[in-house]
Amino acid sequence: MRRAVLLVLAACAGGSGSKATFTPLRAPVVANGDLDASKLVAETSSRAIAMGAGPASIVASGQISAGERIGAFVEIPADACLLTYARASPSLEDIDVAVFAEEGNPVVVDEAPDAHPTVLLCPPHPSRVYAAVHAASGEGLVALSAQVVPRDHAIEISKALRAHGARGEIASTEAWPGLGDHVQQHRASLGGTWEEVRRVAVAIDERAPTNVSMAIDAGDCVDALVLAGEDTSLLDAEVVDDSTRVIARASGVGKELTLVVCSENALTASLVVRPHVGAGVAAVVLSRAPIATGADIASPVRLAWLPSRASLSDARARLDAELAKVGYAAATSATTVTAVLGRRATVPLDAVEACRRIDVIGGAPAAWLQASTWDDKGVSFGQAAASSQLVLFACGKSKLGIDLEVRGRGGPIAVVARKERWQSPVFSALPLAASRMLLRASEAMGDDVPPGAVRQLSIDASRREAWESNVAQSSCAFVTAGVEGAGTGVAMEAIDVVTGDVIDRGASAHAVSVRSCARSAPRRVRYEVRVTSGKLDVVVGETARSAVATP
């Protein structure tokens, strides 16, 4: 047996005993290059192109492992959307896509637990963003691609590719049934006079937030009304500033949501909307009003007051300088208190002959101030609310008390009184009506209310008072009425005598103001005042300023 095995081994070794010959092994052939990651995104880019998107560009590609991220900067046309997506080899089980603004803040993200993340970014958006893909688990080849999408194709492409996104104005509100009536009813419930500044339709999706730019001018309130379509519900919305700090938040149980933000300072912000259920389209309507309107809001909306970040000394110095420029004298009294949330403080003021302007100033961190003025007989001379600074007026010889509260955050508050520029014997005869008239004039015109003509009226609900005045060319006339007495409600209209057109109208419980401008030629205007019920004594102030200085 052993001999047979040896014979077999010998045959395998060469049989006849001749030496074996071997072919030399060559070194492997090496070619420079990378794996062709474009094949991973070819199918998605072809689908997008067929629906109207532009050509695809590979933003980044390569081998990545869990926890790693690759990306690059992408420029976006101002009037178009950006479609960004990543696709990977099967060994990468979960990848995410994020688009960042240049300062590093995320604009839109798809972090769903899958390997086909897709995002869509529509105007308003930065001109340049940083797009990146992140490996959540696994290891393998990945490609990140981007395509420019026309806005009129954005909804179709978004639905087809199931894209997450911050999608802006990609649909029209013109075809939204009953939107105009709904907006009017909403503003009526708020009270005050609101000016619409933006009306857009946006796509919303439960998988990602939608951003709508929301600029707030200094001394303004902005109301945001969001109405969702049939496919979504349970809305969330928040307002974030340019550093992504949340400054206001609201939520709705159905398809409607509203919030109001009032700010002493100019603010660049975004309204971020997201439904809890579904994906579809929502109408967003933004309206503005003077910050004084915030105190009169009647409906139960989410109201956010954004305070000044200035110290009390800086805020006082700035106000003193501004009032000196328009002719106010130095303060006659100033008292500082430390306001505590949930506790009322009262600042007494001595009796004086003249009408007084009373400024209530909050220093950081005080926020959301409320103040009311009372005489020694318990009669209210006015009340106001604001984020960090408000003004009241008081006429008559009575001693006064200023009741102060903070509803947002406690801090130092100064009560500064000075002689009002506008004085009249009528103000002493009807001090409450005069105080209300001066306050409403200040709300309509700001700190610069030039003294003007004053008239005293007594009106009951069975009649109206009317008179005519000339408005000089290149000027605007402001006519303001304040009331007191055993009655309720005052209304006023300004009517062009030549055409019969109603120029302006207003109505309120205690004071009202109308404006008439004559920019290219003089104008004759008829003013009519009436009361709702009972009998009221009325103080009417008429003043004017250049039309150039009036928006």
Protein backbone atom coordinates (compact mmCIF):
# COMPACT_ATOMS: atom_id res chain seq x y z
CA MET A 1 0.00 0.00 0.00
CA ARG A 2 2.78 2.42 0.93
CA ARG A 3 4.57 1.64 -2.34
CA ALA A 4 1.42 2.49 -4.35
CA VAL A 5 1.08 5.89 -2.66
CA LEU A 6 4.71 6.75 -3.41
CA LEU A 7 4.22 5.87 -7.08
CA VAL A 8 1.20 8.19 -7.29
CA LEU A 9 3.12 11.09 -5.67
CA ALA A 10 5.98 10.56 -8.04
CA ALA A 11 3.64 10.72 -11.04
CA CYS A 12 2.17 14.02 -9.75
CA ALA A 13 5.69 15.37 -9.32
CA GLY A 14 6.72 14.76 -12.90
CA GLY A 15 6.12 11.20 -13.75
CA SER A 16 9.23 10.43 -15.76
CA GLY A 17 11.42 12.39 -13.35
CA SER A 18 11.75 15.56 -15.52
CA LYS A 19 11.86 18.95 -13.68
CA ALA A 20 8.53 20.97 -13.31
CA THR A 21 8.19 24.38 -15.12
CA PHE A 22 6.26 27.40 -13.50
CA THR A 23 4.83 30.50 -15.20
CA PRO A 24 6.08 33.58 -13.27
CA LEU A 25 3.30 35.59 -11.49
CA ARG A 26 2.79 39.20 -12.57
CA ALA A 27 2.11 42.19 -10.32
CA PRO A 28 -1.53 43.34 -10.23
CA VAL A 29 -2.56 46.00 -12.74
CA VAL A 30 -3.48 49.24 -10.93
CA ALA A 31 -5.53 52.05 -12.52
CA ASN A 32 -6.05 55.44 -10.93
CA GLY A 33 -9.66 56.54 -10.32
CA ASP A 34 -12.66 56.27 -8.01
CA LEU A 35 -15.81 54.21 -7.97
CA ASP A 36 -18.46 55.69 -10.29
CA ALA A 37 -20.92 56.96 -7.72
CA SER A 38 -23.04 58.70 -10.37
CA LYS A 39 -24.68 55.38 -11.13
CA LEU A 40 -26.25 55.46 -7.66
CA VAL A 41 -28.22 58.65 -8.41
CA ALA A 42 -28.84 58.16 -12.13
CA GLU A 43 -32.38 56.84 -11.76
CA THR A 44 -33.49 59.65 -9.39
CA SER A 45 -31.93 62.41 -11.49
CA SER A 46 -33.57 61.03 -14.66
CA ARG A 47 -37.01 61.05 -12.99
CA ALA A 48 -36.53 64.64 -11.82
CA ILE A 49 -35.35 65.80 -15.28
CA ALA A 50 -38.39 64.16 -16.88
CA MET A 51 -40.63 66.26 -14.60
CA GLY A 52 -38.90 69.56 -15.40
CA ALA A 53 -35.78 69.73 -13.23
CA GLY A 54 -32.42 70.83 -14.59
CA PRO A 55 -29.32 68.65 -15.06
CA ALA A 56 -27.85 66.96 -12.01
CA SER A 57 -24.51 67.80 -10.40
CA ILE A 58 -22.63 65.49 -8.05
CA VAL A 59 -22.07 67.55 -4.90
CA ALA A 60 -19.94 64.94 -3.14
CA SER A 61 -19.26 61.20 -3.37
CA GLY A 62 -17.03 58.53 -1.88
CA GLN A 63 -16.67 55.77 0.69
CA ILE A 64 -17.99 56.72 4.12
CA SER A 65 -18.58 54.89 7.39
CA ALA A 66 -21.08 55.42 10.19
CA GLY A 67 -20.65 58.88 11.73
CA GLU A 68 -18.83 60.41 8.76
CA ARG A 69 -20.10 63.34 6.66
CA ILE A 70 -19.13 64.75 3.25
CA GLY A 71 -20.50 67.73 1.36
CA ALA A 72 -19.84 70.94 -0.59
CA PHE A 73 -21.24 74.42 -1.24
CA VAL A 74 -24.04 74.83 -3.80
CA GLU A 75 -25.27 78.08 -5.36
CA ILE A 76 -29.03 78.50 -5.91
CA PRO A 77 -30.79 80.91 -8.30
CA ALA A 78 -32.93 83.36 -6.34
CA ASP A 79 -36.20 82.42 -8.10
CA ALA A 80 -35.75 78.63 -8.20
CA CYS A 81 -35.76 75.63 -5.86
CA LEU A 82 -32.93 73.23 -5.06
CA LEU A 83 -33.51 69.46 -5.04
CA THR A 84 -30.82 67.64 -3.06
CA TYR A 85 -30.69 63.88 -2.48
CA ALA A 86 -28.26 61.08 -1.60
CA ARG A 87 -28.19 57.45 -2.66
CA ALA A 88 -25.85 54.70 -1.43
CA SER A 89 -24.73 51.12 -1.92
CA PRO A 90 -26.77 48.47 -0.04
CA SER A 91 -24.16 48.23 2.72
CA LEU A 92 -25.10 51.74 3.88
CA GLU A 93 -28.38 51.12 5.67
CA ASP A 94 -29.21 54.64 6.88
CA ILE A 95 -28.02 57.99 5.49
CA ASP A 96 -29.23 61.55 6.09
CA VAL A 97 -29.12 64.76 4.03
CA ALA A 98 -28.91 68.27 5.47
CA VAL A 99 -28.70 71.70 3.84
CA PHE A 100 -27.07 74.48 5.89
CA ALA A 101 -26.90 78.26 5.54
CA GLU A 102 -23.37 79.66 5.38
CA GLU A 103 -23.44 80.60 9.07
CA GLY A 104 -23.98 76.90 9.87
CA ASN A 105 -27.69 76.89 10.68
CA PRO A 106 -29.64 73.95 9.18
CA VAL A 107 -32.23 75.08 6.63
CA VAL A 108 -33.78 71.73 5.78
CA VAL A 109 -32.97 68.16 6.88
CA ASP A 110 -34.09 64.62 6.03
CA GLU A 111 -33.16 62.36 8.95
CA ALA A 112 -35.65 59.57 8.29
CA PRO A 113 -34.26 56.06 9.00
CA ASP A 114 -33.72 55.02 5.36
CA ALA A 115 -31.13 55.12 2.56
CA HIS A 116 -32.89 57.53 0.16
CA PRO A 117 -32.97 60.97 1.84
CA THR A 118 -34.36 63.78 -0.36
CA VAL A 119 -34.93 67.45 0.42
CA LEU A 120 -36.40 70.39 -1.51
CA LEU A 121 -35.54 74.02 -0.72
CA CYS A 122 -37.64 76.78 -2.34
CA PRO A 123 -37.58 80.59 -2.04
CA PRO A 124 -37.01 82.42 0.16
CA HIS A 125 -33.57 80.82 0.61
CA PRO A 126 -29.89 81.81 0.85
CA SER A 127 -28.00 82.35 -2.42
CA ARG A 128 -25.45 79.73 -1.36
CA VAL A 129 -25.86 76.71 0.93
CA TYR A 130 -23.75 73.83 2.17
CA ALA A 131 -25.24 70.43 1.30
CA ALA A 132 -24.00 67.33 3.14
CA VAL A 133 -24.71 63.63 3.49
CA HIS A 134 -24.17 61.83 6.78
CA ALA A 135 -23.87 58.08 7.34
CA ALA A 136 -26.04 57.05 10.30
CA SER A 137 -25.20 53.33 10.05
CA GLY A 138 -23.28 51.02 7.76
CA GLU A 139 -20.30 51.55 5.46
CA GLY A 140 -20.09 51.90 1.69
CA LEU A 141 -20.26 54.13 -1.37
CA VAL A 142 -22.52 57.20 -1.36
CA ALA A 143 -23.36 59.98 -3.83
CA LEU A 144 -24.91 63.37 -3.02
CA SER A 145 -26.55 65.10 -5.97
CA ALA A 146 -28.33 68.41 -6.57
CA GLN A 147 -30.65 69.79 -9.27
CA VAL A 148 -32.27 73.17 -9.85
CA VAL A 149 -36.09 72.94 -9.96
CA PRO A 150 -38.42 75.64 -11.37
CA ARG A 151 -40.97 76.70 -8.75
CA ASP A 152 -43.91 75.76 -10.97
CA HIS A 153 -42.67 72.13 -10.99
CA ALA A 154 -41.74 71.96 -7.31
CA ILE A 155 -44.95 70.43 -5.97
CA GLU A 156 -45.01 67.68 -8.61
CA ILE A 157 -41.37 66.75 -8.08
CA SER A 158 -41.68 66.94 -4.30
CA LYS A 159 -44.60 64.50 -4.26
CA ALA A 160 -43.03 62.11 -6.76
CA LEU A 161 -39.70 61.90 -4.90
CA ARG A 162 -41.24 62.22 -1.40
CA ALA A 163 -38.94 65.13 -0.63
CA HIS A 164 -38.73 66.74 2.77
CA GLY A 165 -38.32 70.45 2.60
CA ALA A 166 -38.54 74.10 3.46
CA ARG A 167 -40.76 74.93 0.54
CA GLY A 168 -41.76 78.54 0.05
CA GLU A 169 -44.17 80.19 -2.37
CA ILE A 170 -45.00 77.34 -4.72
CA ALA A 171 -48.74 77.71 -5.04
CA SER A 172 -51.17 80.57 -5.46
CA THR A 173 -53.62 81.77 -2.82
CA GLU A 174 -55.91 83.27 -5.47
CA ALA A 175 -57.81 80.00 -5.88
CA TRP A 176 -58.18 79.45 -2.12
CA PRO A 177 -61.96 79.37 -1.51
CA GLY A 178 -63.20 82.00 0.92
CA LEU A 179 -59.72 83.10 2.01
CA GLY A 180 -60.50 86.82 1.73
CA ASP A 181 -63.61 86.57 3.91
CA HIS A 182 -61.76 84.46 6.46
CA VAL A 183 -58.93 87.01 6.70
CA GLN A 184 -61.41 89.87 7.22
CA GLN A 185 -63.20 87.98 10.00
CA HIS A 186 -59.88 87.20 11.66
CA ARG A 187 -58.77 90.85 11.63
CA ALA A 188 -62.14 91.96 12.99
CA SER A 189 -61.70 89.53 15.89
CA LEU A 190 -58.25 90.98 16.63
CA GLY A 191 -59.42 94.59 16.64
CA GLY A 192 -57.39 97.57 15.50
CA THR A 193 -56.29 98.43 11.96
CA TRP A 194 -54.08 95.88 10.18
CA GLU A 195 -52.20 96.24 6.89
CA GLU A 196 -51.56 93.08 4.89
CA VAL A 197 -47.90 92.68 3.95
CA ARG A 198 -47.77 89.15 2.51
CA ARG A 199 -50.10 86.40 1.33
CA VAL A 200 -48.60 83.13 0.06
CA ALA A 201 -49.44 79.46 -0.35
CA VAL A 202 -46.80 77.02 0.88
CA ALA A 203 -46.38 73.27 0.87
CA ILE A 204 -46.35 71.74 4.35
CA ASP A 205 -45.34 68.23 5.35
CA GLU A 206 -45.39 66.32 8.63
CA ARG A 207 -41.87 65.04 7.88
CA ALA A 208 -40.15 68.44 7.80
CA PRO A 209 -40.79 72.11 8.65
CA THR A 210 -41.64 74.83 6.12
CA ASN A 211 -40.05 78.29 6.48
CA VAL A 212 -41.69 81.60 5.48
CA SER A 213 -39.71 84.84 5.89
CA MET A 214 -41.31 87.27 8.35
CA ALA A 215 -39.70 90.71 8.73
CA ILE A 216 -40.85 92.86 11.68
CA ASP A 217 -40.20 96.61 11.64
CA ALA A 218 -39.31 98.49 14.82
CA GLY A 219 -42.43 99.39 16.79
CA ASP A 220 -44.70 96.99 14.90
CA CYS A 221 -46.82 93.92 15.60
CA VAL A 222 -47.05 91.22 12.90
CA ASP A 223 -50.00 88.82 12.83
CA ALA A 224 -49.45 85.43 11.18
CA LEU A 225 -52.56 83.51 10.10
CA VAL A 226 -52.02 79.94 8.82
CA LEU A 227 -54.84 77.97 7.19
CA ALA A 228 -54.14 74.35 6.25
CA GLY A 229 -55.75 72.48 3.36
CA GLU A 230 -57.78 69.29 3.53
CA ASP A 231 -54.79 66.93 3.64
CA THR A 232 -53.16 68.18 6.86
CA SER A 233 -54.11 68.96 10.45
CA LEU A 234 -52.75 69.69 13.94
CA LEU A 235 -50.46 72.59 13.05
CA ASP A 236 -47.38 73.77 14.93
CA ALA A 237 -45.77 77.13 14.24
CA GLU A 238 -42.94 79.10 15.75
CA VAL A 239 -41.13 82.31 14.93
CA VAL A 240 -37.32 82.16 14.97
CA ASP A 241 -34.89 85.04 14.58
CA ASP A 242 -31.81 85.07 12.33
CA SER A 243 -29.82 83.23 15.01
CA THR A 244 -32.50 80.45 15.10
CA ARG A 245 -33.64 81.53 18.59
CA VAL A 246 -37.33 80.70 19.11
CA ILE A 247 -39.15 83.91 20.04
CA ALA A 248 -42.78 82.81 19.74
CA ARG A 249 -44.63 79.52 19.47
CA ALA A 250 -48.23 78.48 18.84
CA SER A 251 -50.13 75.31 18.04
CA GLY A 252 -53.59 74.53 16.74
CA VAL A 253 -55.90 71.58 17.21
CA GLY A 254 -57.39 71.83 13.72
CA LYS A 255 -56.49 73.46 10.42
CA GLU A 256 -56.06 77.07 11.59
CA LEU A 257 -53.35 78.73 13.63
CA THR A 258 -52.57 82.34 14.48
CA LEU A 259 -49.95 84.19 16.50
CA VAL A 260 -48.94 87.84 16.93
CA VAL A 261 -45.39 89.08 17.54
CA CYS A 262 -44.78 92.67 18.71
CA SER A 263 -41.25 94.09 18.78
CA GLU A 264 -39.66 97.38 19.80
CA ASN A 265 -36.71 96.65 17.48
CA ALA A 266 -36.47 95.71 13.81
CA LEU A 267 -36.23 91.95 13.44
CA THR A 268 -35.48 89.53 10.61
CA ALA A 269 -37.33 86.33 11.40
CA SER A 270 -38.90 83.23 9.88
CA LEU A 271 -42.26 81.60 10.50
CA VAL A 272 -41.72 77.84 10.74
CA VAL A 273 -44.84 75.72 10.09
CA ARG A 274 -45.27 71.97 10.38
CA PRO A 275 -48.39 69.79 10.60
CA HIS A 276 -48.57 66.73 12.84
CA VAL A 277 -50.68 64.90 10.26
CA GLY A 278 -50.36 64.70 6.47
CA ALA A 279 -48.75 66.70 3.68
CA GLY A 280 -50.39 69.37 1.55
CA VAL A 281 -50.69 73.13 1.09
CA ALA A 282 -51.37 75.95 3.55
CA ALA A 283 -52.19 79.64 3.11
CA VAL A 284 -50.05 82.04 5.16
CA VAL A 285 -51.23 85.65 5.58
CA LEU A 286 -49.00 88.19 7.34
CA SER A 287 -50.36 91.58 8.49
CA ARG A 288 -48.80 94.45 10.41
CA ALA A 289 -50.06 97.10 12.84
CA PRO A 290 -48.47 99.62 15.23
CA ILE A 291 -47.25 98.09 18.46
CA ALA A 292 -49.95 99.96 20.41
CA THR A 293 -52.51 97.70 18.70
CA GLY A 294 -51.15 94.74 20.64
CA ALA A 295 -52.69 96.05 23.84
CA ASP A 296 -56.15 96.08 22.23
CA ILE A 297 -56.16 92.55 20.81
CA ALA A 298 -59.42 90.98 21.87
CA SER A 299 -59.31 87.43 20.49
CA PRO A 300 -57.45 84.65 22.36
CA VAL A 301 -54.37 84.51 20.14
CA ARG A 302 -50.79 83.72 21.10
CA LEU A 303 -49.24 87.17 21.67
CA ALA A 304 -45.46 87.52 22.05
CA TRP A 305 -43.79 90.79 23.13
CA LEU A 306 -40.11 91.08 22.25
CA PRO A 307 -38.38 93.47 24.65
CA SER A 308 -35.48 95.80 24.02
CA ARG A 309 -32.09 94.46 25.09
CA ALA A 310 -30.92 97.90 26.22
CA SER A 311 -30.20 98.73 29.84
CA LEU A 312 -32.57 101.12 31.60
CA SER A 313 -30.05 103.96 31.54
CA ASP A 314 -29.40 103.53 27.81
CA ALA A 315 -33.13 103.30 27.02
CA ARG A 316 -33.85 106.46 29.03
CA ALA A 317 -31.02 108.39 27.41
CA ARG A 318 -32.17 107.41 23.93
CA LEU A 319 -35.79 108.42 24.61
CA ASP A 320 -34.76 111.74 26.19
CA ALA A 321 -32.70 112.57 23.10
CA GLU A 322 -35.54 111.63 20.71
CA LEU A 323 -38.11 113.72 22.62
CA ALA A 324 -35.76 116.71 22.82
CA LYS A 325 -35.46 116.68 19.02
CA VAL A 326 -39.24 117.13 18.62
CA GLY A 327 -39.52 119.91 21.21
CA TYR A 328 -40.20 118.28 24.58
CA ALA A 329 -38.69 119.86 27.68
CA ALA A 330 -36.70 117.96 30.28
CA ALA A 331 -38.50 115.59 32.65
CA THR A 332 -40.25 117.10 35.66
CA SER A 333 -40.12 113.85 37.65
CA ALA A 334 -38.60 110.39 37.34
CA THR A 335 -39.08 107.32 39.54
CA THR A 336 -37.43 103.91 39.18
CA VAL A 337 -38.89 100.67 40.54
CA THR A 338 -37.97 97.02 40.25
CA ALA A 339 -40.94 95.13 38.81
CA VAL A 340 -41.57 91.55 39.89
CA LEU A 341 -43.68 89.12 37.89
CA GLY A 342 -47.11 88.69 39.51
CA ARG A 343 -46.85 91.79 41.72
CA ARG A 344 -48.25 95.28 41.03
CA ALA A 345 -46.28 98.42 41.83
CA THR A 346 -47.78 101.94 42.10
CA VAL A 347 -45.87 105.15 41.41
CA PRO A 348 -47.57 108.37 42.72
CA LEU A 349 -47.42 111.66 40.78
CA ASP A 350 -48.19 115.07 42.27
CA ALA A 351 -50.96 117.27 40.86
CA VAL A 352 -49.96 119.86 38.25
CA GLU A 353 -51.82 122.39 36.09
CA ALA A 354 -50.71 121.23 32.63
CA CYS A 355 -51.26 118.01 30.70
CA ARG A 356 -48.40 115.58 31.15
CA ARG A 357 -46.74 112.96 29.00
CA ILE A 358 -45.83 109.93 31.12
CA ASP A 359 -43.27 107.48 29.68
CA VAL A 360 -42.90 104.03 31.20
CA ILE A 361 -39.54 102.53 30.22
CA GLY A 362 -38.33 99.00 30.89
CA GLY A 363 -34.66 98.06 31.01
CA ALA A 364 -33.37 94.58 30.25
CA PRO A 365 -34.53 92.02 31.20
CA ALA A 366 -38.00 93.51 31.88
CA ALA A 367 -40.55 92.38 29.28
CA TRP A 368 -44.24 92.91 28.47
CA LEU A 369 -45.15 96.00 30.44
CA GLN A 370 -48.66 97.05 31.40
CA ALA A 371 -49.49 100.42 32.95
CA SER A 372 -52.64 102.34 33.86
CA THR A 373 -53.20 105.87 35.18
CA TRP A 374 -55.72 106.68 37.95
CA ASP A 375 -56.62 109.89 39.73
CA ASP A 376 -57.30 110.20 43.46
CA LYS A 377 -61.04 109.65 42.84
CA GLY A 378 -60.47 106.28 41.16
CA VAL A 379 -61.06 107.51 37.59
CA SER A 380 -58.92 105.83 34.91
CA PHE A 381 -57.08 108.18 32.58
CA GLY A 382 -55.81 105.45 30.28
CA GLN A 383 -53.96 102.18 30.06
CA ALA A 384 -51.41 100.70 27.68
CA ALA A 385 -49.24 97.64 27.15
CA ALA A 386 -46.00 97.20 25.24
CA SER A 387 -42.89 95.07 25.16
CA SER A 388 -40.43 97.53 26.75
CA GLN A 389 -41.72 101.09 26.45
CA LEU A 390 -45.13 102.77 26.54
CA VAL A 391 -46.61 106.24 26.91
CA LEU A 392 -49.66 107.62 28.74
CA PHE A 393 -51.12 111.12 29.01
CA ALA A 394 -52.87 112.79 31.94
CA CYS A 395 -54.64 116.15 32.05
CA GLY A 396 -56.30 117.88 35.04
CA LYS A 397 -55.28 118.95 38.52
CA SER A 398 -55.76 115.65 40.34
CA LYS A 399 -53.04 113.60 41.98
CA LEU A 400 -52.24 110.50 39.95
CA GLY A 401 -51.10 106.95 40.54
CA ILE A 402 -49.39 104.82 37.87
CA ASP A 403 -50.07 101.10 38.35
CA LEU A 404 -47.31 98.93 36.83
CA GLU A 405 -47.14 95.20 36.06
CA VAL A 406 -44.91 92.93 34.02
CA ARG A 407 -46.43 89.91 32.26
CA GLY A 408 -43.26 88.50 30.72
CA ARG A 409 -40.18 89.06 32.90
CA GLY A 410 -39.33 91.31 35.84
CA GLY A 411 -36.70 94.04 35.83
CA PRO A 412 -36.07 97.76 36.33
CA ILE A 413 -38.76 100.21 35.17
CA ALA A 414 -38.65 104.01 35.10
CA VAL A 415 -41.71 106.29 35.16
CA VAL A 416 -40.76 109.65 33.63
CA ALA A 417 -43.20 112.59 33.51
CA ARG A 418 -42.80 115.82 31.53
CA LYS A 419 -45.01 118.66 30.33
CA GLU A 420 -46.95 117.81 27.18
CA ARG A 421 -46.27 120.12 24.21
CA TRP A 422 -49.95 120.32 23.22
CA GLN A 423 -51.93 122.42 25.72
CA SER A 424 -55.44 123.97 25.57
CA PRO A 425 -58.07 125.32 28.00
CA VAL A 426 -60.39 122.63 26.64
CA PHE A 427 -58.05 120.00 28.09
CA SER A 428 -58.64 121.33 31.60
CA ALA A 429 -62.43 121.33 31.09
CA LEU A 430 -62.50 117.72 29.85
CA PRO A 431 -59.31 116.13 31.26
CA LEU A 432 -60.27 112.49 30.67
CA ALA A 433 -61.34 113.03 27.05
CA ALA A 434 -58.20 115.13 26.46
CA SER A 435 -55.94 112.41 27.89
CA ARG A 436 -57.56 109.81 25.63
CA MET A 437 -57.28 112.10 22.60
CA LEU A 438 -53.56 112.73 23.19
CA LEU A 439 -52.87 109.01 23.66
CA ARG A 440 -54.62 108.06 20.40
CA ALA A 441 -52.84 110.88 18.53
CA SER A 442 -49.53 109.51 19.80
CA GLU A 443 -50.46 106.02 18.64
CA ALA A 444 -51.33 107.39 15.18
CA MET A 445 -48.36 109.75 14.74
CA GLY A 446 -45.65 108.56 17.09
CA ASP A 447 -43.73 110.86 19.44
CA ASP A 448 -43.85 113.84 17.07
CA VAL A 449 -47.43 115.12 17.48
CA PRO A 450 -47.35 118.85 16.63
CA PRO A 451 -49.83 120.98 18.65
CA GLY A 452 -52.87 122.02 16.60
CA ALA A 453 -56.43 123.27 16.77
CA VAL A 454 -58.79 121.94 19.46
CA ARG A 455 -62.59 121.84 19.49
CA GLN A 456 -65.06 120.74 22.15
CA LEU A 457 -68.27 118.87 21.23
CA SER A 458 -71.21 117.36 23.04
CA ILE A 459 -72.98 114.60 21.08
CA ASP A 460 -75.75 112.10 21.76
CA ALA A 461 -76.63 108.99 19.76
CA SER A 462 -79.51 110.74 17.92
CA ARG A 463 -77.28 113.07 15.89
CA ARG A 464 -73.82 113.63 14.51
CA GLU A 465 -71.40 116.56 14.41
CA ALA A 466 -69.72 117.55 11.12
CA TRP A 467 -67.35 120.24 9.88
CA GLU A 468 -65.04 120.88 6.93
CA SER A 469 -61.33 121.69 6.81
CA ASN A 470 -58.68 122.25 4.17
CA VAL A 471 -55.68 119.95 3.85
CA ALA A 472 -52.70 121.82 2.38
CA GLN A 473 -50.80 120.37 -0.56
CA SER A 474 -47.97 117.98 0.37
CA SER A 475 -49.31 117.53 3.89
CA CYS A 476 -51.39 115.06 5.93
CA ALA A 477 -54.02 116.08 8.47
CA PHE A 478 -54.62 113.95 11.55
CA VAL A 479 -57.94 114.45 13.38
CA THR A 480 -58.30 112.65 16.71
CA ALA A 481 -61.23 112.51 19.13
CA GLY A 482 -61.32 111.43 22.77
CA VAL A 483 -64.56 111.09 24.78
CA GLU A 484 -65.91 111.02 28.32
CA GLY A 485 -69.39 110.97 29.81
CA ALA A 486 -72.51 108.80 30.17
CA GLY A 487 -72.30 107.04 26.82
CA THR A 488 -70.30 104.46 24.90
CA GLY A 489 -68.45 104.33 21.61
CA VAL A 490 -67.20 106.98 19.19
CA ALA A 491 -66.87 106.79 15.39
CA MET A 492 -65.38 109.20 12.87
CA GLU A 493 -65.17 109.45 9.07
CA ALA A 494 -63.08 111.67 6.77
CA ILE A 495 -64.86 112.32 3.44
CA ASP A 496 -63.53 114.07 0.33
CA VAL A 497 -65.92 116.98 -0.27
CA VAL A 498 -65.39 116.99 -4.08
CA THR A 499 -65.68 113.28 -4.85
CA GLY A 500 -67.69 112.04 -1.87
CA ASP A 501 -65.15 109.25 -1.29
CA VAL A 502 -64.53 108.05 2.26
CA ILE A 503 -60.84 108.73 2.86
CA ASP A 504 -60.54 107.11 6.28
CA ARG A 505 -62.77 105.91 9.10
CA GLY A 506 -62.39 104.54 12.60
CA ALA A 507 -64.38 103.47 15.66
CA SER A 508 -63.46 102.65 19.24
CA ALA A 509 -64.76 102.78 22.80
CA HIS A 510 -62.90 105.90 23.97
CA ALA A 511 -60.81 107.48 21.17
CA VAL A 512 -60.49 107.43 17.39
CA SER A 513 -58.21 108.97 14.77
CA VAL A 514 -58.45 109.47 10.98
CA ARG A 515 -55.89 110.69 8.45
CA SER A 516 -56.35 112.72 5.24
CA CYS A 517 -53.42 113.39 2.91
CA ALA A 518 -53.14 115.87 0.00
CA ARG A 519 -49.96 114.98 -1.84
CA SER A 520 -50.32 116.62 -5.28
CA ALA A 521 -53.04 119.27 -4.69
CA PRO A 522 -54.96 120.83 -1.77
CA ARG A 523 -57.99 118.92 -0.52
CA ARG A 524 -61.28 119.85 1.14
CA VAL A 525 -62.31 117.26 3.73
CA ARG A 526 -65.53 116.82 5.72
CA TYR A 527 -65.24 115.18 9.16
CA GLU A 528 -68.21 113.48 10.81
CA VAL A 529 -68.32 112.30 14.44
CA ARG A 530 -71.06 110.26 16.12
CA VAL A 531 -71.46 108.20 19.30
CA THR A 532 -72.93 104.74 19.66
CA SER A 533 -75.21 105.27 22.68
CA GLY A 534 -75.94 107.83 25.35
CA LYS A 535 -74.34 111.26 25.44
CA LEU A 536 -70.61 112.01 25.35
CA ASP A 537 -68.39 115.06 25.64
CA VAL A 538 -65.74 115.02 22.92
CA VAL A 539 -62.32 116.67 22.60
CA VAL A 540 -61.17 116.86 18.97
CA GLY A 541 -57.59 117.70 18.08
CA GLU A 542 -56.58 118.64 14.53
CA THR A 543 -52.92 118.68 13.57
CA ALA A 544 -50.86 118.18 10.41
CA ARG A 545 -47.38 117.39 9.18
CA SER A 546 -45.55 116.95 5.90
CA ALA A 547 -46.75 114.14 3.65
CA VAL A 548 -43.11 113.23 3.04
CA ALA A 549 -42.80 112.28 6.72
CA THR A 550 -46.02 110.25 6.64
CA PRO A 551 -46.03 106.71 5.20
